[in-house]
Amino acid sequence: MANLRIELVKSLSGRLDKHIATANSLGLHKIGNVAVQPDNPQTKGKLAQIGYLVRVTEE
């Protein structure tokens, strides 16, 4: 199964609380943080919610 490399490129400051919680659940806390997550429906759902804050590449 493929993995996704997710990088936080925009600040979490001033965002909705649930978007901040979603980013934190992915392991993203500060701009520039990178997390590697499995490419599954749960991860895709999280990315659909905060897609405007992150850059995603496939590993």
Protein backbone atom coordinates (compact mmCIF):
# COMPACT_ATOMS: atom_id res chain seq x y z
CA MET A 1 0.00 0.00 0.00
CA ALA A 2 1.25 3.47 -0.88
CA ASN A 3 2.02 6.21 1.60
CA LEU A 4 1.28 9.92 1.42
CA ARG A 5 3.80 12.58 2.42
CA ILE A 6 1.86 15.47 3.95
CA GLU A 7 3.50 18.86 4.64
CA LEU A 8 1.85 21.74 6.48
CA VAL A 9 2.36 24.85 4.33
CA LYS A 10 -0.07 27.32 5.93
CA SER A 11 -0.44 28.40 9.54
CA LEU A 12 -3.04 26.86 11.85
CA SER A 13 -3.48 30.21 13.56
CA GLY A 14 -7.04 31.50 13.26
CA ARG A 15 -8.43 28.29 11.72
CA LEU A 16 -11.49 26.38 12.85
CA ASP A 17 -10.92 24.25 15.95
CA LYS A 18 -11.82 21.04 14.12
CA HIS A 19 -9.33 21.83 11.33
CA ILE A 20 -6.59 22.38 13.91
CA ALA A 21 -7.54 19.08 15.59
CA THR A 22 -7.42 17.28 12.23
CA ALA A 23 -3.95 18.66 11.46
CA ASN A 24 -2.74 17.67 14.93
CA SER A 25 -4.12 14.14 14.48
CA LEU A 26 -1.96 13.84 11.36
CA GLY A 27 1.10 14.96 13.36
CA LEU A 28 1.25 18.48 11.90
CA HIS A 29 1.80 21.24 14.45
CA LYS A 30 3.99 23.91 12.81
CA ILE A 31 4.56 25.13 9.28
CA GLY A 32 7.06 22.84 7.58
CA ASN A 33 6.15 19.73 9.61
CA VAL A 34 6.00 16.59 7.48
CA ALA A 35 4.04 13.43 8.23
CA VAL A 36 3.90 10.15 6.34
CA GLN A 37 0.48 8.51 6.46
CA PRO A 38 -1.00 5.46 4.73
CA ASP A 39 -3.10 6.10 1.63
CA ASN A 40 -6.49 4.97 2.95
CA PRO A 41 -10.04 6.39 3.15
CA GLN A 42 -9.49 7.76 6.68
CA THR A 43 -6.46 9.79 5.64
CA LYS A 44 -8.20 10.96 2.44
CA GLY A 45 -11.13 12.24 4.53
CA LYS A 46 -8.80 14.22 6.79
CA LEU A 47 -7.05 15.70 3.76
CA ALA A 48 -10.39 16.66 2.20
CA GLN A 49 -11.08 18.75 5.30
CA ILE A 50 -7.72 20.53 5.51
CA GLY A 51 -6.53 20.33 1.91
CA TYR A 52 -6.11 24.10 1.73
CA LEU A 53 -3.44 23.97 4.48
CA VAL A 54 -1.24 21.13 3.23
CA ARG A 55 0.84 19.88 0.30
CA VAL A 56 0.48 16.18 -0.45
CA THR A 57 2.84 13.97 -2.47
CA GLU A 58 2.78 10.24 -2.96
CA GLU A 59 5.71 8.15 -1.70
